[in-house]
Amino acid sequence: MGRWPLTSRGARGYSERVIALLAFALSLSLPSRAAVLAAPLAETPIAALPVVPAQALGLGGMTWLNNAASLSDSALPALGRGDFGAVYTHPAQPAWVVKIAADGFGAPNARGRSQMTWDVLAEATATRALAEAGAGPRLIAVTRIPHRLQPLMDRMAAWFGARAPDWSRPALVKERVIGSTLGELSRAGARTNAHDTMTRDLKGRLRAAGLTARDLHDENIMIGVTASREKTQAYLVDAGSVRALTPTSPAPTP
């Protein structure tokens, strides 16, 4: 007779806890995406921007896994995807989009959680500057999108009196530009002189605001409208490469 007799139900519960503990420890020790994401966040000035809870923005139920977003376990199609993140239509507000940071794991530009937070902070600041210059869509909020496995990790940690790592991703919510990129218009044979005039006006607004963009190309410029601006114009929709010109910086060529 054993010293600590267990019923079959108790033995099953004990086994589940052992498995959970092993999985929890494994997620923190393997040199994998999980380990990268579980690393503690370094101190960053993201606190300088108010982070609005996802539920307050109508994003309850939206999660991410493997650099892809889901809503209530149904995959969401991305409007666009780049090295620094993927853009999705807001599930409750069609006039907004959600850009979730990507880690680029397995690529030369792989980024940890702190770097993702820095990048989102920089893009949020640039998005505000573009909107103030009338050159980009308006920033709605900065938020965080939870990992799909976060509830499971929280339960695992609670069983052993531990605290689960926060695997949430920083994200931007901003207005959606309803329209087409210059590249799409060109491929469809629909690009006109009016579109080129709007693009020159966009570049003029950037110069007037003391802003420059490294990726000012046809796929990052959209002709369209937003909820706050009903007049059709050109917008720079990728703020990730926008920087303020210094007094010694040359102005970009129109």
C-alpha atoms as a PDB file:
ATOM      1  CA  MET A   1       0.000   0.000   0.000  1.00  0.00           C
ATOM      2  CA  GLY A   2       1.464   3.374  -0.982  1.00  0.00           C
ATOM      3  CA  ARG A   3       2.176   6.107   1.482  1.00  0.00           C
ATOM      4  CA  TRP A   4       0.011   8.633  -0.402  1.00  0.00           C
ATOM      5  CA  PRO A   5      -2.922   6.629  -1.817  1.00  0.00           C
ATOM      6  CA  LEU A   6      -4.674   8.364  -4.712  1.00  0.00           C
ATOM      7  CA  THR A   7      -8.040   7.699  -6.232  1.00  0.00           C
ATOM      8  CA  SER A   8      -8.122   7.308 -10.011  1.00  0.00           C
ATOM      9  CA  ARG A   9      -9.664  10.770 -10.257  1.00  0.00           C
ATOM     10  CA  GLY A  10      -7.028  12.227  -7.953  1.00  0.00           C
ATOM     11  CA  ALA A  11      -4.250  10.499  -9.870  1.00  0.00           C
ATOM     12  CA  ARG A  12      -5.572  11.923 -13.119  1.00  0.00           C
ATOM     13  CA  GLY A  13      -5.678  15.424 -11.649  1.00  0.00           C
ATOM     14  CA  TYR A  14      -2.137  15.005 -10.320  1.00  0.00           C
ATOM     15  CA  SER A  15      -0.914  13.835 -13.730  1.00  0.00           C
ATOM     16  CA  GLU A  16      -2.556  16.790 -15.420  1.00  0.00           C
ATOM     17  CA  ARG A  17      -0.759  19.165 -13.067  1.00  0.00           C
ATOM     18  CA  VAL A  18       2.585  17.470 -13.685  1.00  0.00           C
ATOM     19  CA  ILE A  19       2.076  17.725 -17.454  1.00  0.00           C
ATOM     20  CA  ALA A  20       1.019  21.347 -17.094  1.00  0.00           C
ATOM     21  CA  LEU A  21       4.085  22.139 -15.000  1.00  0.00           C
ATOM     22  CA  LEU A  22       6.386  20.497 -17.537  1.00  0.00           C
ATOM     23  CA  ALA A  23       4.732  22.379 -20.399  1.00  0.00           C
ATOM     24  CA  PHE A  24       4.935  25.644 -18.488  1.00  0.00           C
ATOM     25  CA  ALA A  25       8.628  25.139 -17.675  1.00  0.00           C
ATOM     26  CA  LEU A  26       9.351  24.044 -21.239  1.00  0.00           C
ATOM     27  CA  SER A  27       7.785  27.178 -22.658  1.00  0.00           C
ATOM     28  CA  LEU A  28      10.183  29.282 -20.607  1.00  0.00           C
ATOM     29  CA  SER A  29      13.336  27.297 -21.299  1.00  0.00           C
ATOM     30  CA  LEU A  30      13.365  26.317 -24.960  1.00  0.00           C
ATOM     31  CA  PRO A  31      15.231  28.615 -27.385  1.00  0.00           C
ATOM     32  CA  SER A  32      12.027  29.162 -29.327  1.00  0.00           C
ATOM     33  CA  ARG A  33       9.475  31.847 -30.039  1.00  0.00           C
ATOM     34  CA  ALA A  34       7.840  31.064 -26.694  1.00  0.00           C
ATOM     35  CA  ALA A  35      11.073  31.758 -24.830  1.00  0.00           C
ATOM     36  CA  VAL A  36      11.622  35.009 -26.717  1.00  0.00           C
ATOM     37  CA  LEU A  37       8.124  36.204 -25.945  1.00  0.00           C
ATOM     38  CA  ALA A  38       8.290  35.119 -22.311  1.00  0.00           C
ATOM     39  CA  ALA A  39      11.334  37.290 -21.653  1.00  0.00           C
ATOM     40  CA  PRO A  40      10.503  40.254 -19.394  1.00  0.00           C
ATOM     41  CA  LEU A  41       9.904  43.563 -21.082  1.00  0.00           C
ATOM     42  CA  ALA A  42      12.660  46.119 -20.769  1.00  0.00           C
ATOM     43  CA  GLU A  43      11.662  49.568 -19.582  1.00  0.00           C
ATOM     44  CA  THR A  44      10.321  51.500 -22.570  1.00  0.00           C
ATOM     45  CA  PRO A  45       8.521  54.806 -22.974  1.00  0.00           C
ATOM     46  CA  ILE A  46       5.390  53.055 -24.240  1.00  0.00           C
ATOM     47  CA  ALA A  47       3.863  54.222 -20.955  1.00  0.00           C
ATOM     48  CA  ALA A  48       4.034  57.743 -22.389  1.00  0.00           C
ATOM     49  CA  LEU A  49       1.116  56.735 -24.623  1.00  0.00           C
ATOM     50  CA  PRO A  50      -2.113  55.559 -23.010  1.00  0.00           C
ATOM     51  CA  VAL A  51      -2.657  51.865 -23.732  1.00  0.00           C
ATOM     52  CA  VAL A  52      -6.389  51.270 -24.126  1.00  0.00           C
ATOM     53  CA  PRO A  53      -7.687  47.789 -23.191  1.00  0.00           C
ATOM     54  CA  ALA A  54      -8.655  45.772 -26.269  1.00  0.00           C
ATOM     55  CA  GLN A  55     -12.178  45.185 -24.925  1.00  0.00           C
ATOM     56  CA  ALA A  56     -12.778  48.943 -24.696  1.00  0.00           C
ATOM     57  CA  LEU A  57     -11.982  49.215 -28.419  1.00  0.00           C
ATOM     58  CA  GLY A  58     -14.410  46.484 -29.442  1.00  0.00           C
ATOM     59  CA  LEU A  59     -11.591  43.948 -29.835  1.00  0.00           C
ATOM     60  CA  GLY A  60     -12.714  41.444 -27.213  1.00  0.00           C
ATOM     61  CA  GLY A  61     -12.122  37.926 -28.532  1.00  0.00           C
ATOM     62  CA  MET A  62      -9.348  38.990 -30.919  1.00  0.00           C
ATOM     63  CA  THR A  63      -6.127  37.043 -30.343  1.00  0.00           C
ATOM     64  CA  TRP A  64      -2.900  36.292 -32.185  1.00  0.00           C
ATOM     65  CA  LEU A  65      -0.864  33.128 -32.796  1.00  0.00           C
ATOM     66  CA  ASN A  66       2.162  32.639 -35.081  1.00  0.00           C
ATOM     67  CA  ASN A  67       1.952  36.225 -36.337  1.00  0.00           C
ATOM     68  CA  ALA A  68      -1.666  35.763 -37.446  1.00  0.00           C
ATOM     69  CA  ALA A  69      -4.856  37.100 -35.846  1.00  0.00           C
ATOM     70  CA  SER A  70      -8.099  35.327 -35.025  1.00  0.00           C
ATOM     71  CA  LEU A  71     -11.501  36.318 -33.698  1.00  0.00           C
ATOM     72  CA  SER A  72     -13.149  33.695 -31.508  1.00  0.00           C
ATOM     73  CA  ASP A  73     -10.834  31.056 -33.058  1.00  0.00           C
ATOM     74  CA  SER A  74     -11.757  32.055 -36.637  1.00  0.00           C
ATOM     75  CA  ALA A  75      -8.796  33.279 -38.696  1.00  0.00           C
ATOM     76  CA  LEU A  76      -8.927  36.894 -39.841  1.00  0.00           C
ATOM     77  CA  PRO A  77      -7.669  37.755 -43.350  1.00  0.00           C
ATOM     78  CA  ALA A  78      -4.884  40.332 -43.357  1.00  0.00           C
ATOM     79  CA  LEU A  79      -5.330  43.479 -45.438  1.00  0.00           C
ATOM     80  CA  GLY A  80      -1.562  43.765 -45.647  1.00  0.00           C
ATOM     81  CA  ARG A  81       1.532  42.216 -44.126  1.00  0.00           C
ATOM     82  CA  GLY A  82       5.098  43.440 -43.735  1.00  0.00           C
ATOM     83  CA  ASP A  83       8.246  42.907 -41.695  1.00  0.00           C
ATOM     84  CA  PHE A  84       6.920  44.902 -38.757  1.00  0.00           C
ATOM     85  CA  GLY A  85       3.334  43.724 -38.566  1.00  0.00           C
ATOM     86  CA  ALA A  86       0.054  42.728 -40.174  1.00  0.00           C
ATOM     87  CA  VAL A  87      -3.001  44.920 -40.719  1.00  0.00           C
ATOM     88  CA  TYR A  88      -6.574  43.694 -40.206  1.00  0.00           C
ATOM     89  CA  THR A  89      -9.998  45.256 -40.569  1.00  0.00           C
ATOM     90  CA  HIS A  90     -11.401  46.079 -37.152  1.00  0.00           C
ATOM     91  CA  PRO A  91     -13.999  43.351 -36.471  1.00  0.00           C
ATOM     92  CA  ALA A  92     -16.560  45.778 -35.016  1.00  0.00           C
ATOM     93  CA  GLN A  93     -15.698  49.081 -36.699  1.00  0.00           C
ATOM     94  CA  PRO A  94     -15.189  48.852 -40.498  1.00  0.00           C
ATOM     95  CA  ALA A  95     -13.789  52.409 -40.610  1.00  0.00           C
ATOM     96  CA  TRP A  96     -10.789  51.335 -38.481  1.00  0.00           C
ATOM     97  CA  VAL A  97      -7.885  48.925 -38.931  1.00  0.00           C
ATOM     98  CA  VAL A  98      -5.739  47.071 -36.403  1.00  0.00           C
ATOM     99  CA  LYS A  99      -1.999  46.680 -36.971  1.00  0.00           C
ATOM    100  CA  ILE A 100      -0.473  43.984 -34.753  1.00  0.00           C
ATOM    101  CA  ALA A 101       3.304  43.877 -34.307  1.00  0.00           C
ATOM    102  CA  ALA A 102       5.118  40.823 -35.715  1.00  0.00           C
ATOM    103  CA  ASP A 103       8.259  39.276 -34.254  1.00  0.00           C
ATOM    104  CA  GLY A 104       9.842  38.193 -37.558  1.00  0.00           C
ATOM    105  CA  PHE A 105      10.942  35.040 -35.737  1.00  0.00           C
ATOM    106  CA  GLY A 106      13.315  32.871 -37.736  1.00  0.00           C
ATOM    107  CA  ALA A 107      14.301  35.778 -39.997  1.00  0.00           C
ATOM    108  CA  PRO A 108      17.410  37.978 -39.835  1.00  0.00           C
ATOM    109  CA  ASN A 109      15.262  40.826 -38.471  1.00  0.00           C
ATOM    110  CA  ALA A 110      13.716  38.801 -35.625  1.00  0.00           C
ATOM    111  CA  ARG A 111      12.631  41.071 -32.790  1.00  0.00           C
ATOM    112  CA  GLY A 112      11.924  40.548 -29.118  1.00  0.00           C
ATOM    113  CA  ARG A 113       9.008  41.988 -27.181  1.00  0.00           C
ATOM    114  CA  SER A 114      10.845  45.138 -26.141  1.00  0.00           C
ATOM    115  CA  GLN A 115      11.835  45.925 -29.732  1.00  0.00           C
ATOM    116  CA  MET A 116       8.250  45.375 -30.884  1.00  0.00           C
ATOM    117  CA  THR A 117       7.085  47.813 -28.210  1.00  0.00           C
ATOM    118  CA  TRP A 118       9.657  50.405 -29.280  1.00  0.00           C
ATOM    119  CA  ASP A 119       8.571  50.019 -32.912  1.00  0.00           C
ATOM    120  CA  VAL A 120       4.889  50.456 -32.059  1.00  0.00           C
ATOM    121  CA  LEU A 121       5.707  53.551 -29.984  1.00  0.00           C
ATOM    122  CA  ALA A 122       7.660  55.051 -32.895  1.00  0.00           C
ATOM    123  CA  GLU A 123       4.914  54.260 -35.386  1.00  0.00           C
ATOM    124  CA  ALA A 124       2.203  55.650 -33.106  1.00  0.00           C
ATOM    125  CA  THR A 125       4.150  58.895 -32.770  1.00  0.00           C
ATOM    126  CA  ALA A 126       4.699  59.055 -36.550  1.00  0.00           C
ATOM    127  CA  THR A 127       1.016  58.269 -37.229  1.00  0.00           C
ATOM    128  CA  ARG A 128      -0.013  61.199 -35.059  1.00  0.00           C
ATOM    129  CA  ALA A 129       2.434  63.489 -36.857  1.00  0.00           C
ATOM    130  CA  LEU A 130       1.147  62.373 -40.275  1.00  0.00           C
ATOM    131  CA  ALA A 131      -2.469  62.917 -39.255  1.00  0.00           C
ATOM    132  CA  GLU A 132      -1.684  66.393 -37.935  1.00  0.00           C
ATOM    133  CA  ALA A 133      -0.028  67.182 -41.273  1.00  0.00           C
ATOM    134  CA  GLY A 134      -3.087  65.908 -43.175  1.00  0.00           C
ATOM    135  CA  ALA A 135      -0.887  63.228 -44.750  1.00  0.00           C
ATOM    136  CA  GLY A 136      -2.024  60.065 -42.982  1.00  0.00           C
ATOM    137  CA  PRO A 137      -5.002  58.407 -41.275  1.00  0.00           C
ATOM    138  CA  ARG A 138      -5.849  59.333 -37.683  1.00  0.00           C
ATOM    139  CA  LEU A 139      -4.514  57.282 -34.747  1.00  0.00           C
ATOM    140  CA  ILE A 140      -7.344  55.898 -32.625  1.00  0.00           C
ATOM    141  CA  ALA A 141      -5.430  54.135 -29.851  1.00  0.00           C
ATOM    142  CA  VAL A 142      -2.523  51.939 -28.801  1.00  0.00           C
ATOM    143  CA  THR A 143      -3.572  48.575 -27.373  1.00  0.00           C
ATOM    144  CA  ARG A 144      -2.372  45.023 -26.741  1.00  0.00           C
ATOM    145  CA  ILE A 145      -3.793  41.870 -28.363  1.00  0.00           C
ATOM    146  CA  PRO A 146      -3.567  38.724 -26.188  1.00  0.00           C
ATOM    147  CA  HIS A 147      -2.032  35.439 -27.316  1.00  0.00           C
ATOM    148  CA  ARG A 148      -4.551  32.710 -28.107  1.00  0.00           C
ATOM    149  CA  LEU A 149      -2.963  30.421 -25.500  1.00  0.00           C
ATOM    150  CA  GLN A 150      -2.860  33.072 -22.748  1.00  0.00           C
ATOM    151  CA  PRO A 151      -5.910  31.743 -20.844  1.00  0.00           C
ATOM    152  CA  LEU A 152      -4.375  28.249 -20.793  1.00  0.00           C
ATOM    153  CA  MET A 153      -1.034  29.606 -19.585  1.00  0.00           C
ATOM    154  CA  ASP A 154      -2.802  31.620 -16.884  1.00  0.00           C
ATOM    155  CA  ARG A 155      -4.567  28.483 -15.624  1.00  0.00           C
ATOM    156  CA  MET A 156      -1.321  26.497 -15.658  1.00  0.00           C
ATOM    157  CA  ALA A 157       0.439  29.170 -13.656  1.00  0.00           C
ATOM    158  CA  ALA A 158      -2.460  29.487 -11.179  1.00  0.00           C
ATOM    159  CA  TRP A 159      -2.299  25.765 -10.399  1.00  0.00           C
ATOM    160  CA  PHE A 160       1.217  26.215  -9.065  1.00  0.00           C
ATOM    161  CA  GLY A 161       0.884  29.653  -7.558  1.00  0.00           C
ATOM    162  CA  ALA A 162       2.979  31.219 -10.327  1.00  0.00           C
ATOM    163  CA  ARG A 163       2.410  34.091 -12.698  1.00  0.00           C
ATOM    164  CA  ALA A 164       2.176  33.346 -16.408  1.00  0.00           C
ATOM    165  CA  PRO A 165       4.266  35.440 -18.819  1.00  0.00           C
ATOM    166  CA  ASP A 166       2.383  38.078 -20.754  1.00  0.00           C
ATOM    167  CA  TRP A 167       2.435  37.053 -24.412  1.00  0.00           C
ATOM    168  CA  SER A 168       0.285  39.920 -25.653  1.00  0.00           C
ATOM    169  CA  ARG A 169       1.351  41.919 -28.718  1.00  0.00           C
ATOM    170  CA  PRO A 170       1.364  45.713 -28.985  1.00  0.00           C
ATOM    171  CA  ALA A 171      -0.973  46.999 -31.670  1.00  0.00           C
ATOM    172  CA  LEU A 172      -2.176  50.220 -33.258  1.00  0.00           C
ATOM    173  CA  VAL A 173      -5.786  51.032 -34.043  1.00  0.00           C
ATOM    174  CA  LYS A 174      -6.203  53.743 -36.647  1.00  0.00           C
ATOM    175  CA  GLU A 175      -8.597  54.942 -39.302  1.00  0.00           C
ATOM    176  CA  ARG A 176      -8.899  52.905 -42.442  1.00  0.00           C
ATOM    177  CA  VAL A 177      -8.283  54.559 -45.792  1.00  0.00           C
ATOM    178  CA  ILE A 178     -11.066  53.471 -48.128  1.00  0.00           C
ATOM    179  CA  GLY A 179      -9.572  53.461 -51.606  1.00  0.00           C
ATOM    180  CA  SER A 180      -6.708  51.997 -53.643  1.00  0.00           C
ATOM    181  CA  THR A 181      -2.935  52.247 -53.632  1.00  0.00           C
ATOM    182  CA  LEU A 182      -1.158  53.960 -56.491  1.00  0.00           C
ATOM    183  CA  GLY A 183       0.240  50.551 -57.417  1.00  0.00           C
ATOM    184  CA  GLU A 184      -3.238  49.043 -57.669  1.00  0.00           C
ATOM    185  CA  LEU A 185      -4.448  51.963 -59.769  1.00  0.00           C
ATOM    186  CA  SER A 186      -1.453  51.635 -62.095  1.00  0.00           C
ATOM    187  CA  ARG A 187      -1.935  47.883 -62.569  1.00  0.00           C
ATOM    188  CA  ALA A 188      -5.613  48.409 -63.327  1.00  0.00           C
ATOM    189  CA  GLY A 189      -4.838  51.150 -65.841  1.00  0.00           C
ATOM    190  CA  ALA A 190      -6.906  53.578 -63.728  1.00  0.00           C
ATOM    191  CA  ARG A 191      -4.172  55.965 -62.582  1.00  0.00           C
ATOM    192  CA  THR A 192      -4.859  59.547 -63.690  1.00  0.00           C
ATOM    193  CA  ASN A 193      -3.179  62.949 -63.636  1.00  0.00           C
ATOM    194  CA  ALA A 194      -5.448  63.825 -60.702  1.00  0.00           C
ATOM    195  CA  HIS A 195      -3.926  60.969 -58.678  1.00  0.00           C
ATOM    196  CA  ASP A 196      -0.410  62.230 -59.447  1.00  0.00           C
ATOM    197  CA  THR A 197      -1.435  65.739 -58.401  1.00  0.00           C
ATOM    198  CA  MET A 198      -2.750  64.371 -55.097  1.00  0.00           C
ATOM    199  CA  THR A 199       0.554  62.537 -54.605  1.00  0.00           C
ATOM    200  CA  ARG A 200       2.534  65.752 -55.159  1.00  0.00           C
ATOM    201  CA  ASP A 201       0.258  67.486 -52.658  1.00  0.00           C
ATOM    202  CA  LEU A 202       0.970  64.676 -50.156  1.00  0.00           C
ATOM    203  CA  LYS A 203       4.730  65.139 -50.539  1.00  0.00           C
ATOM    204  CA  GLY A 204       4.268  68.876 -50.111  1.00  0.00           C
ATOM    205  CA  ARG A 205       2.387  68.341 -46.840  1.00  0.00           C
ATOM    206  CA  LEU A 206       5.180  66.077 -45.607  1.00  0.00           C
ATOM    207  CA  ARG A 207       7.826  68.709 -46.377  1.00  0.00           C
ATOM    208  CA  ALA A 208       5.772  71.471 -44.787  1.00  0.00           C
ATOM    209  CA  ALA A 209       5.475  69.406 -41.587  1.00  0.00           C
ATOM    210  CA  GLY A 210       9.210  68.600 -41.548  1.00  0.00           C
ATOM    211  CA  LEU A 211       8.636  64.896 -42.142  1.00  0.00           C
ATOM    212  CA  THR A 212      10.404  62.436 -44.426  1.00  0.00           C
ATOM    213  CA  ALA A 213       9.612  58.823 -45.332  1.00  0.00           C
ATOM    214  CA  ARG A 214      12.085  56.206 -46.590  1.00  0.00           C
ATOM    215  CA  ASP A 215       9.368  54.002 -48.126  1.00  0.00           C
ATOM    216  CA  LEU A 216       7.404  56.576 -50.073  1.00  0.00           C
ATOM    217  CA  HIS A 217       6.469  54.267 -52.939  1.00  0.00           C
ATOM    218  CA  ASP A 218       3.303  53.365 -54.828  1.00  0.00           C
ATOM    219  CA  GLU A 219       2.238  50.541 -52.495  1.00  0.00           C
ATOM    220  CA  ASN A 220       2.369  52.777 -49.410  1.00  0.00           C
ATOM    221  CA  ILE A 221       0.398  55.672 -50.916  1.00  0.00           C
ATOM    222  CA  MET A 222      -3.378  55.315 -51.037  1.00  0.00           C
ATOM    223  CA  ILE A 223      -5.909  57.488 -52.827  1.00  0.00           C
ATOM    224  CA  GLY A 224      -9.141  57.531 -50.868  1.00  0.00           C
ATOM    225  CA  VAL A 225     -11.126  58.829 -47.923  1.00  0.00           C
ATOM    226  CA  THR A 226     -11.347  58.218 -44.178  1.00  0.00           C
ATOM    227  CA  ALA A 227     -14.135  58.587 -41.646  1.00  0.00           C
ATOM    228  CA  SER A 228     -12.795  61.989 -40.570  1.00  0.00           C
ATOM    229  CA  ARG A 229     -11.887  63.269 -44.064  1.00  0.00           C
ATOM    230  CA  GLU A 230     -14.522  62.769 -46.743  1.00  0.00           C
ATOM    231  CA  LYS A 231     -12.590  64.529 -49.513  1.00  0.00           C
ATOM    232  CA  THR A 232     -10.529  62.158 -51.677  1.00  0.00           C
ATOM    233  CA  GLN A 233      -6.785  62.689 -51.271  1.00  0.00           C
ATOM    234  CA  ALA A 234      -3.473  60.829 -51.106  1.00  0.00           C
ATOM    235  CA  TYR A 235      -2.435  59.255 -47.797  1.00  0.00           C
ATOM    236  CA  LEU A 236       0.808  57.679 -46.627  1.00  0.00           C
ATOM    237  CA  VAL A 237      -0.506  54.527 -44.941  1.00  0.00           C
ATOM    238  CA  ASP A 238       2.766  53.067 -43.599  1.00  0.00           C
ATOM    239  CA  ALA A 239       4.132  55.342 -40.887  1.00  0.00           C
ATOM    240  CA  GLY A 240       6.907  52.967 -39.849  1.00  0.00           C
ATOM    241  CA  SER A 241       9.555  54.738 -41.921  1.00  0.00           C
ATOM    242  CA  VAL A 242       8.508  58.318 -41.162  1.00  0.00           C
ATOM    243  CA  ARG A 243      11.041  60.533 -39.409  1.00  0.00           C
ATOM    244  CA  ALA A 244      11.231  64.206 -38.554  1.00  0.00           C
ATOM    245  CA  LEU A 245      13.746  66.165 -40.592  1.00  0.00           C
ATOM    246  CA  THR A 246      16.628  67.651 -38.621  1.00  0.00           C
ATOM    247  CA  PRO A 247      17.860  71.160 -39.496  1.00  0.00           C
ATOM    248  CA  THR A 248      20.732  69.628 -41.493  1.00  0.00           C
ATOM    249  CA  SER A 249      18.668  66.964 -43.242  1.00  0.00           C
ATOM    250  CA  PRO A 250      18.089  67.478 -46.969  1.00  0.00           C
ATOM    251  CA  ALA A 251      14.490  67.773 -48.066  1.00  0.00           C
ATOM    252  CA  PRO A 252      13.234  64.733 -50.022  1.00  0.00           C
ATOM    253  CA  THR A 253      13.031  65.040 -53.792  1.00  0.00           C
ATOM    254  CA  PRO A 254       9.414  65.432 -54.930  1.00  0.00           C
END
